Amino acid sequence: MTAALFMIYTSFTLSLTGLAIYRTHLISALLCIENMALTLFLMLTALSTNLLSTTLMTTPITLLTFAACEASTGLALMIATARTHGSDHLKTFNLLQC
């Protein structure tokens, strides 16, 4: 395992751990998810360049497009919940209410 691949795996694991542990604010959860999407992009880019397959060359760009859509949706939901609930603390959200 190369050092770059080890760093990518470590980054993904740390962002997954951060998502599981630091669940106080919605923005911290969104940052952890965005970091996971970025490391997945790096993994797919490294995989497609190592395999030299033409069918895998568009996969990282597609993932990056979905990550951008995920980020914009997450920020829009954060703004909407901050306006309705007054903060972005995850403890103030109640999923049983409409």
Foldseek 3Di string as FASTA:
>chain_A
DDPVVVVLVVQLVVLVVQLVPPQFFLVSNLVSVLSNLVSVLVVLVVVCVVVVDPVSPCVSVVSVVVSVVVSVVSVVVQVVCCVVQVGGTPVSDDPVDD
